């Protein structure tokens, strides 16, 4: 399992559009990818799951991945989260 901690830079947090991009990115990997925020954990391949975390701007979240391509999955999802600045 690979775990990365990232900070959400988007002024609106992970609302619908960024969450959709994140789900699309995570779904491209075989590994199980999850996000953890405020004591809650969600499947990063589920739009409803990601939105249910209600991640706010400036929040520190954990991205974890386990499986065949876990390192690449965690890295790609973490980079995407940090790159969204809208």
PDB file of N, CA and C in Angstrom:
ATOM      1  N   UNK A   1       0.847  -1.198   0.000  1.00  0.00           N
ATOM      2  CA  UNK A   1       0.000   0.000   0.000  1.00  0.00           C
ATOM      3  C   UNK A   1       0.882   1.247   0.000  1.00  0.00           C
ATOM      4  N   UNK A   2       0.494   2.193  -0.831  1.00  0.00           N
ATOM      5  CA  UNK A   2       1.188   3.471  -0.916  1.00  0.00           C
ATOM      6  C   UNK A   2       0.238   4.552  -0.416  1.00  0.00           C
ATOM      7  N   UNK A   3       0.728   5.417   0.480  1.00  0.00           N
ATOM      8  CA  UNK A   3      -0.097   6.505   1.018  1.00  0.00           C
ATOM      9  C   UNK A   3       0.624   7.826   0.777  1.00  0.00           C
ATOM     10  N   UNK A   4      -0.109   8.806   0.258  1.00  0.00           N
ATOM     11  CA  UNK A   4       0.440  10.147   0.041  1.00  0.00           C
ATOM     12  C   UNK A   4      -0.502  11.155   0.682  1.00  0.00           C
ATOM     13  N   UNK A   5       0.082  12.180   1.286  1.00  0.00           N
ATOM     14  CA  UNK A   5      -0.741  13.246   1.856  1.00  0.00           C
ATOM     15  C   UNK A   5      -0.627  14.464   0.945  1.00  0.00           C
ATOM     16  N   UNK A   6      -1.777  15.017   0.576  1.00  0.00           N
ATOM     17  CA  UNK A   6      -1.797  16.167  -0.331  1.00  0.00           C
ATOM     18  C   UNK A   6      -2.697  17.256   0.230  1.00  0.00           C
ATOM     19  N   UNK A   7      -2.458  18.481  -0.227  1.00  0.00           N
ATOM     20  CA  UNK A   7      -3.279  19.616   0.181  1.00  0.00           C
ATOM     21  C   UNK A   7      -4.122  20.063  -0.998  1.00  0.00           C
ATOM     22  N   UNK A   8      -5.400  20.258  -0.756  1.00  0.00           N
ATOM     23  CA  UNK A   8      -6.328  20.702  -1.796  1.00  0.00           C
ATOM     24  C   UNK A   8      -6.162  22.207  -1.984  1.00  0.00           C
ATOM     25  N   UNK A   9      -5.756  22.620  -3.187  1.00  0.00           N
ATOM     26  CA  UNK A   9      -5.515  24.035  -3.471  1.00  0.00           C
ATOM     27  C   UNK A   9      -6.732  24.724  -4.082  1.00  0.00           C
ATOM     28  N   UNK A  10      -7.650  23.941  -4.614  1.00  0.00           N
ATOM     29  CA  UNK A  10      -8.832  24.504  -5.258  1.00  0.00           C
ATOM     30  C   UNK A  10      -9.625  25.345  -4.262  1.00  0.00           C
ATOM     31  N   UNK A  11      -9.999  26.551  -4.681  1.00  0.00           N
ATOM     32  CA  UNK A  11     -10.730  27.461  -3.799  1.00  0.00           C
ATOM     33  C   UNK A  11     -12.082  26.896  -3.374  1.00  0.00           C
ATOM     34  N   UNK A  12     -12.626  25.992  -4.169  1.00  0.00           N
ATOM     35  CA  UNK A  12     -13.940  25.424  -3.857  1.00  0.00           C
ATOM     36  C   UNK A  12     -13.856  23.995  -3.325  1.00  0.00           C
ATOM     37  N   UNK A  13     -12.640  23.516  -3.070  1.00  0.00           N
ATOM     38  CA  UNK A  13     -12.491  22.147  -2.579  1.00  0.00           C
ATOM     39  C   UNK A  13     -12.717  21.152  -3.713  1.00  0.00           C
ATOM     40  N   UNK A  14     -13.095  19.942  -3.353  1.00  0.00           N
ATOM     41  CA  UNK A  14     -13.352  18.918  -4.380  1.00  0.00           C
ATOM     42  C   UNK A  14     -14.849  18.854  -4.680  1.00  0.00           C
ATOM     43  N   UNK A  15     -15.344  19.864  -5.395  1.00  0.00           N
ATOM     44  CA  UNK A  15     -16.754  19.879  -5.788  1.00  0.00           C
ATOM     45  C   UNK A  15     -16.921  19.035  -7.052  1.00  0.00           C
ATOM     46  N   UNK A  16     -18.030  19.120  -7.710  1.00  0.00           N
ATOM     47  CA  UNK A  16     -18.397  18.212  -8.809  1.00  0.00           C
ATOM     48  C   UNK A  16     -17.369  18.084  -9.933  1.00  0.00           C
ATOM     49  N   UNK A  17     -16.917  19.190 -10.511  1.00  0.00           N
ATOM     50  CA  UNK A  17     -16.002  19.082 -11.642  1.00  0.00           C
ATOM     51  C   UNK A  17     -14.658  18.480 -11.258  1.00  0.00           C
ATOM     52  N   UNK A  18     -13.964  18.997 -10.231  1.00  0.00           N
ATOM     53  CA  UNK A  18     -12.702  18.377  -9.842  1.00  0.00           C
ATOM     54  C   UNK A  18     -12.878  16.927  -9.382  1.00  0.00           C
ATOM     55  N   UNK A  19     -13.977  16.646  -8.726  1.00  0.00           N
ATOM     56  CA  UNK A  19     -14.231  15.278  -8.261  1.00  0.00           C
ATOM     57  C   UNK A  19     -14.398  14.338  -9.459  1.00  0.00           C
ATOM     58  N   UNK A  20     -15.044  14.815 -10.511  1.00  0.00           N
ATOM     59  CA  UNK A  20     -15.223  14.011 -11.719  1.00  0.00           C
ATOM     60  C   UNK A  20     -13.871  13.710 -12.361  1.00  0.00           C
ATOM     61  N   UNK A  21     -13.003  14.709 -12.427  1.00  0.00           N
ATOM     62  CA  UNK A  21     -11.658  14.503 -12.973  1.00  0.00           C
ATOM     63  C   UNK A  21     -10.884  13.488 -12.133  1.00  0.00           C
ATOM     64  N   UNK A  22     -11.021  13.597 -10.824  1.00  0.00           N
ATOM     65  CA  UNK A  22     -10.326  12.692  -9.921  1.00  0.00           C
ATOM     66  C   UNK A  22     -10.806  11.255 -10.091  1.00  0.00           C
ATOM     67  N   UNK A  23     -12.107  11.061 -10.182  1.00  0.00           N
ATOM     68  CA  UNK A  23     -12.683   9.720 -10.362  1.00  0.00           C
ATOM     69  C   UNK A  23     -12.211   9.131 -11.690  1.00  0.00           C
ATOM     70  N   UNK A  24     -12.195   9.955 -12.735  1.00  0.00           N
ATOM     71  CA  UNK A  24     -11.745   9.491 -14.051  1.00  0.00           C
ATOM     72  C   UNK A  24     -10.279   9.049 -13.996  1.00  0.00           C
ATOM     73  N   UNK A  25      -9.450   9.829 -13.315  1.00  0.00           N
ATOM     74  CA  UNK A  25      -8.026   9.497 -13.181  1.00  0.00           C
ATOM     75  C   UNK A  25      -7.846   8.197 -12.390  1.00  0.00           C
ATOM     76  N   UNK A  26      -8.509   8.089 -11.255  1.00  0.00           N
ATOM     77  CA  UNK A  26      -8.376   6.906 -10.394  1.00  0.00           C
ATOM     78  C   UNK A  26      -8.894   5.651 -11.091  1.00  0.00           C
ATOM     79  N   UNK A  27      -9.931   5.794 -11.891  1.00  0.00           N
ATOM     80  CA  UNK A  27     -10.533   4.650 -12.572  1.00  0.00           C
ATOM     81  C   UNK A  27      -9.633   4.058 -13.652  1.00  0.00           C
ATOM     82  N   UNK A  28      -8.622   4.793 -14.054  1.00  0.00           N
ATOM     83  CA  UNK A  28      -7.702   4.306 -15.063  1.00  0.00           C
ATOM     84  C   UNK A  28      -6.670   3.313 -14.535  1.00  0.00           C
ATOM     85  N   UNK A  29      -6.714   3.038 -13.237  1.00  0.00           N
ATOM     86  CA  UNK A  29      -5.753   2.131 -12.616  1.00  0.00           C
ATOM     87  C   UNK A  29      -6.443   0.878 -12.103  1.00  0.00           C
ATOM     88  N   UNK A  30      -5.693  -0.222 -12.055  1.00  0.00           N
ATOM     89  CA  UNK A  30      -6.231  -1.480 -11.538  1.00  0.00           C
ATOM     90  C   UNK A  30      -6.331  -1.462 -10.021  1.00  0.00           C
ATOM     91  N   UNK A  31      -5.433  -0.733  -9.377  1.00  0.00           N
ATOM     92  CA  UNK A  31      -5.371  -0.695  -7.913  1.00  0.00           C
ATOM     93  C   UNK A  31      -6.626  -0.097  -7.292  1.00  0.00           C
ATOM     94  N   UNK A  32      -6.872  -0.470  -6.045  1.00  0.00           N
ATOM     95  CA  UNK A  32      -7.919   0.175  -5.256  1.00  0.00           C
ATOM     96  C   UNK A  32      -7.343   1.505  -4.790  1.00  0.00           C
ATOM     97  N   UNK A  33      -8.066   2.588  -5.044  1.00  0.00           N
ATOM     98  CA  UNK A  33      -7.595   3.921  -4.655  1.00  0.00           C
ATOM     99  C   UNK A  33      -8.646   4.531  -3.733  1.00  0.00           C
ATOM    100  N   UNK A  34      -8.196   5.078  -2.609  1.00  0.00           N
ATOM    101  CA  UNK A  34      -9.155   5.703  -1.693  1.00  0.00           C
ATOM    102  C   UNK A  34      -8.625   7.030  -1.178  1.00  0.00           C
ATOM    103  N   UNK A  35      -9.557   7.858  -0.721  1.00  0.00           N
ATOM    104  CA  UNK A  35      -9.247   9.156  -0.135  1.00  0.00           C
ATOM    105  C   UNK A  35      -9.712   9.147   1.307  1.00  0.00           C
ATOM    106  N   UNK A  36      -8.959   9.815   2.163  1.00  0.00           N
ATOM    107  CA  UNK A  36      -9.354   9.910   3.564  1.00  0.00           C
ATOM    108  C   UNK A  36      -9.299  11.369   3.980  1.00  0.00           C
ATOM    109  N   UNK A  37     -10.393  11.836   4.584  1.00  0.00           N
ATOM    110  CA  UNK A  37     -10.487  13.229   5.032  1.00  0.00           C
ATOM    111  C   UNK A  37     -11.399  13.295   6.248  1.00  0.00           C
ATOM    112  N   UNK A  38     -10.942  13.968   7.267  1.00  0.00           N
ATOM    113  CA  UNK A  38     -11.768  14.198   8.459  1.00  0.00           C
ATOM    114  C   UNK A  38     -12.283  12.896   9.084  1.00  0.00           C
ATOM    115  N   UNK A  39     -11.453  11.861   9.067  1.00  0.00           N
ATOM    116  CA  UNK A  39     -11.850  10.586   9.662  1.00  0.00           C
ATOM    117  C   UNK A  39     -12.755   9.734   8.798  1.00  0.00           C
ATOM    118  N   UNK A  40     -13.082  10.208   7.588  1.00  0.00           N
ATOM    119  CA  UNK A  40     -13.926   9.432   6.676  1.00  0.00           C
ATOM    120  C   UNK A  40     -13.087   8.955   5.503  1.00  0.00           C
ATOM    121  N   UNK A  41     -13.430   7.786   4.987  1.00  0.00           N
ATOM    122  CA  UNK A  41     -12.695   7.210   3.859  1.00  0.00           C
ATOM    123  C   UNK A  41     -13.676   6.926   2.727  1.00  0.00           C
ATOM    124  N   UNK A  42     -13.226   7.156   1.481  1.00  0.00           N
ATOM    125  CA  UNK A  42     -14.101   6.911   0.328  1.00  0.00           C
ATOM    126  C   UNK A  42     -13.296   6.341  -0.827  1.00  0.00           C
ATOM    127  N   UNK A  43     -13.967   5.552  -1.641  1.00  0.00           N
ATOM    128  CA  UNK A  43     -13.382   5.000  -2.854  1.00  0.00           C
ATOM    129  C   UNK A  43     -13.191   6.145  -3.848  1.00  0.00           C
ATOM    130  N   UNK A  44     -11.960   6.338  -4.327  1.00  0.00           N
ATOM    131  CA  UNK A  44     -11.677   7.426  -5.264  1.00  0.00           C
ATOM    132  C   UNK A  44     -12.248   7.166  -6.652  1.00  0.00           C
ATOM    133  N   UNK A  45     -12.766   5.961  -6.883  1.00  0.00           N
ATOM    134  CA  UNK A  45     -13.373   5.639  -8.170  1.00  0.00           C
ATOM    135  C   UNK A  45     -14.879   5.865  -8.159  1.00  0.00           C
ATOM    136  N   UNK A  46     -15.394   6.371  -7.043  1.00  0.00           N
ATOM    137  CA  UNK A  46     -16.827   6.620  -6.888  1.00  0.00           C
ATOM    138  C   UNK A  46     -17.081   8.116  -6.722  1.00  0.00           C
ATOM    139  N   UNK A  47     -17.795   8.718  -7.672  1.00  0.00           N
ATOM    140  CA  UNK A  47     -18.087  10.147  -7.599  1.00  0.00           C
ATOM    141  C   UNK A  47     -18.873  10.482  -6.330  1.00  0.00           C
ATOM    142  N   UNK A  48     -19.870   9.681  -6.025  1.00  0.00           N
ATOM    143  CA  UNK A  48     -20.666   9.919  -4.816  1.00  0.00           C
ATOM    144  C   UNK A  48     -19.780   9.823  -3.572  1.00  0.00           C
ATOM    145  N   UNK A  49     -18.885   8.839  -3.570  1.00  0.00           N
ATOM    146  CA  UNK A  49     -17.975   8.670  -2.437  1.00  0.00           C
ATOM    147  C   UNK A  49     -17.083   9.877  -2.238  1.00  0.00           C
ATOM    148  N   UNK A  50     -16.494  10.362  -3.326  1.00  0.00           N
ATOM    149  CA  UNK A  50     -15.599  11.527  -3.246  1.00  0.00           C
ATOM    150  C   UNK A  50     -16.375  12.759  -2.790  1.00  0.00           C
ATOM    151  N   UNK A  51     -17.547  12.981  -3.369  1.00  0.00           N
ATOM    152  CA  UNK A  51     -18.355  14.142  -2.984  1.00  0.00           C
ATOM    153  C   UNK A  51     -18.817  14.053  -1.529  1.00  0.00           C
ATOM    154  N   UNK A  52     -19.064  12.837  -1.040  1.00  0.00           N
ATOM    155  CA  UNK A  52     -19.556  12.667   0.330  1.00  0.00           C
ATOM    156  C   UNK A  52     -18.518  13.072   1.375  1.00  0.00           C
ATOM    157  N   UNK A  53     -17.249  13.129   0.990  1.00  0.00           N
ATOM    158  CA  UNK A  53     -16.209  13.552   1.928  1.00  0.00           C
ATOM    159  C   UNK A  53     -16.282  15.053   2.218  1.00  0.00           C
ATOM    160  N   UNK A  54     -16.892  15.814   1.319  1.00  0.00           N
ATOM    161  CA  UNK A  54     -17.026  17.267   1.468  1.00  0.00           C
ATOM    162  C   UNK A  54     -15.675  17.924   1.747  1.00  0.00           C
ATOM    163  N   UNK A  55     -14.707  17.633   0.888  1.00  0.00           N
ATOM    164  CA  UNK A  55     -13.356  18.163   1.061  1.00  0.00           C
ATOM    165  C   UNK A  55     -13.349  19.657   0.747  1.00  0.00           C
ATOM    166  N   UNK A  56     -12.799  20.451   1.663  1.00  0.00           N
ATOM    167  CA  UNK A  56     -12.780  21.903   1.527  1.00  0.00           C
ATOM    168  C   UNK A  56     -11.411  22.399   1.058  1.00  0.00           C
ATOM    169  N   UNK A  57     -11.356  23.643   0.661  1.00  0.00           N
ATOM    170  CA  UNK A  57     -10.115  24.255   0.218  1.00  0.00           C
ATOM    171  C   UNK A  57      -9.101  24.266   1.360  1.00  0.00           C
ATOM    172  N   UNK A  58      -7.859  23.956   1.045  1.00  0.00           N
ATOM    173  CA  UNK A  58      -6.801  23.961   2.049  1.00  0.00           C
ATOM    174  C   UNK A  58      -6.733  22.706   2.901  1.00  0.00           C
ATOM    175  N   UNK A  59      -7.625  21.764   2.652  1.00  0.00           N
ATOM    176  CA  UNK A  59      -7.674  20.536   3.443  1.00  0.00           C
ATOM    177  C   UNK A  59      -6.504  19.614   3.099  1.00  0.00           C
ATOM    178  N   UNK A  60      -6.008  18.932   4.119  1.00  0.00           N
ATOM    179  CA  UNK A  60      -4.979  17.906   3.910  1.00  0.00           C
ATOM    180  C   UNK A  60      -5.703  16.575   3.846  1.00  0.00           C
ATOM    181  N   UNK A  61      -5.547  15.858   2.746  1.00  0.00           N
ATOM    182  CA  UNK A  61      -6.201  14.562   2.597  1.00  0.00           C
ATOM    183  C   UNK A  61      -5.162  13.493   2.287  1.00  0.00           C
ATOM    184  N   UNK A  62      -5.504  12.262   2.590  1.00  0.00           N
ATOM    185  CA  UNK A  62      -4.614  11.143   2.308  1.00  0.00           C
ATOM    186  C   UNK A  62      -5.141  10.379   1.106  1.00  0.00           C
ATOM    187  N   UNK A  63      -4.236  10.093   0.191  1.00  0.00           N
ATOM    188  CA  UNK A  63      -4.544   9.269  -0.971  1.00  0.00           C
ATOM    189  C   UNK A  63      -3.839   7.940  -0.748  1.00  0.00           C
ATOM    190  N   UNK A  64      -4.574   6.857  -0.764  1.00  0.00           N
ATOM    191  CA  UNK A  64      -3.932   5.552  -0.606  1.00  0.00           C
ATOM    192  C   UNK A  64      -4.329   4.648  -1.758  1.00  0.00           C
ATOM    193  N   UNK A  65      -3.382   3.809  -2.148  1.00  0.00           N
ATOM    194  CA  UNK A  65      -3.622   2.878  -3.248  1.00  0.00           C
ATOM    195  C   UNK A  65      -2.975   1.545  -2.911  1.00  0.00           C
ATOM    196  N   UNK A  66      -3.664   0.471  -3.263  1.00  0.00           N
ATOM    197  CA  UNK A  66      -3.079  -0.861  -3.083  1.00  0.00           C
ATOM    198  C   UNK A  66      -3.460  -1.728  -4.270  1.00  0.00           C
ATOM    199  N   UNK A  67      -2.460  -2.414  -4.802  1.00  0.00           N
ATOM    200  CA  UNK A  67      -2.683  -3.264  -5.963  1.00  0.00           C
ATOM    201  C   UNK A  67      -1.467  -3.280  -6.869  1.00  0.00           C
ATOM    202  N   UNK A  68      -1.662  -3.796  -8.077  1.00  0.00           N
ATOM    203  CA  UNK A  68      -0.569  -3.976  -9.028  1.00  0.00           C
ATOM    204  C   UNK A  68       0.167  -2.679  -9.385  1.00  0.00           C
ATOM    205  N   UNK A  69      -0.584  -1.604  -9.570  1.00  0.00           N
ATOM    206  CA  UNK A  69       0.019  -0.335  -9.992  1.00  0.00           C
ATOM    207  C   UNK A  69      -0.174   0.749  -8.931  1.00  0.00           C
ATOM    208  N   UNK A  70      -0.060   0.360  -7.661  1.00  0.00           N
ATOM    209  CA  UNK A  70      -0.357   1.270  -6.549  1.00  0.00           C
ATOM    210  C   UNK A  70       0.503   2.530  -6.533  1.00  0.00           C
ATOM    211  N   UNK A  71       1.785   2.416  -6.808  1.00  0.00           N
ATOM    212  CA  UNK A  71       2.657   3.593  -6.771  1.00  0.00           C
ATOM    213  C   UNK A  71       2.247   4.613  -7.827  1.00  0.00           C
ATOM    214  N   UNK A  72       2.004   4.144  -9.041  1.00  0.00           N
ATOM    215  CA  UNK A  72       1.603   5.040 -10.129  1.00  0.00           C
ATOM    216  C   UNK A  72       0.230   5.647  -9.853  1.00  0.00           C
ATOM    217  N   UNK A  73      -0.681   4.850  -9.319  1.00  0.00           N
ATOM    218  CA  UNK A  73      -2.036   5.337  -9.030  1.00  0.00           C
ATOM    219  C   UNK A  73      -2.012   6.436  -7.973  1.00  0.00           C
ATOM    220  N   UNK A  74      -1.315   6.190  -6.871  1.00  0.00           N
ATOM    221  CA  UNK A  74      -1.253   7.181  -5.785  1.00  0.00           C
ATOM    222  C   UNK A  74      -0.593   8.463  -6.267  1.00  0.00           C
ATOM    223  N   UNK A  75       0.478   8.332  -7.029  1.00  0.00           N
ATOM    224  CA  UNK A  75       1.198   9.499  -7.545  1.00  0.00           C
ATOM    225  C   UNK A  75       0.323  10.314  -8.494  1.00  0.00           C
ATOM    226  N   UNK A  76      -0.351   9.650  -9.424  1.00  0.00           N
ATOM    227  CA  UNK A  76      -1.178  10.349 -10.412  1.00  0.00           C
ATOM    228  C   UNK A  76      -2.351  11.078  -9.761  1.00  0.00           C
ATOM    229  N   UNK A  77      -3.020  10.417  -8.826  1.00  0.00           N
ATOM    230  CA  UNK A  77      -4.171  11.035  -8.152  1.00  0.00           C
ATOM    231  C   UNK A  77      -3.708  12.202  -7.275  1.00  0.00           C
ATOM    232  N   UNK A  78      -2.599  12.026  -6.563  1.00  0.00           N
ATOM    233  CA  UNK A  78      -2.073  13.104  -5.719  1.00  0.00           C
ATOM    234  C   UNK A  78      -1.693  14.322  -6.558  1.00  0.00           C
ATOM    235  N   UNK A  79      -1.017  14.087  -7.691  1.00  0.00           N
ATOM    236  CA  UNK A  79      -0.626  15.210  -8.567  1.00  0.00           C
ATOM    237  C   UNK A  79      -1.850  15.930  -9.116  1.00  0.00           C
ATOM    238  N   UNK A  80      -2.881  15.162  -9.484  1.00  0.00           N
ATOM    239  CA  UNK A  80      -4.091  15.783 -10.014  1.00  0.00           C
ATOM    240  C   UNK A  80      -4.755  16.675  -8.954  1.00  0.00           C
ATOM    241  N   UNK A  81      -4.870  16.168  -7.747  1.00  0.00           N
ATOM    242  CA  UNK A  81      -5.503  16.945  -6.671  1.00  0.00           C
ATOM    243  C   UNK A  81      -4.740  18.257  -6.448  1.00  0.00           C
ATOM    244  N   UNK A  82      -3.411  18.182  -6.423  1.00  0.00           N
ATOM    245  CA  UNK A  82      -2.606  19.392  -6.194  1.00  0.00           C
ATOM    246  C   UNK A  82      -2.634  20.353  -7.371  1.00  0.00           C
ATOM    247  N   UNK A  83      -2.907  19.844  -8.574  1.00  0.00           N
ATOM    248  CA  UNK A  83      -2.882  20.715  -9.760  1.00  0.00           C
ATOM    249  C   UNK A  83      -4.186  21.480  -9.974  1.00  0.00           C
ATOM    250  N   UNK A  84      -5.274  21.054  -9.349  1.00  0.00           N
ATOM    251  CA  UNK A  84      -6.570  21.731  -9.527  1.00  0.00           C
ATOM    252  C   UNK A  84      -6.584  22.991  -8.666  1.00  0.00           C
ATOM    253  N   UNK A  85      -6.667  24.144  -9.331  1.00  0.00           N
ATOM    254  CA  UNK A  85      -6.604  25.417  -8.580  1.00  0.00           C
ATOM    255  C   UNK A  85      -7.766  26.345  -8.865  1.00  0.00           C
ATOM    256  N   UNK A  86      -8.874  25.831  -9.333  1.00  0.00           N
ATOM    257  CA  UNK A  86     -10.004  26.698  -9.664  1.00  0.00           C
ATOM    258  C   UNK A  86     -10.842  27.024  -8.464  1.00  0.00           C
TER     259      UNK A  86
END
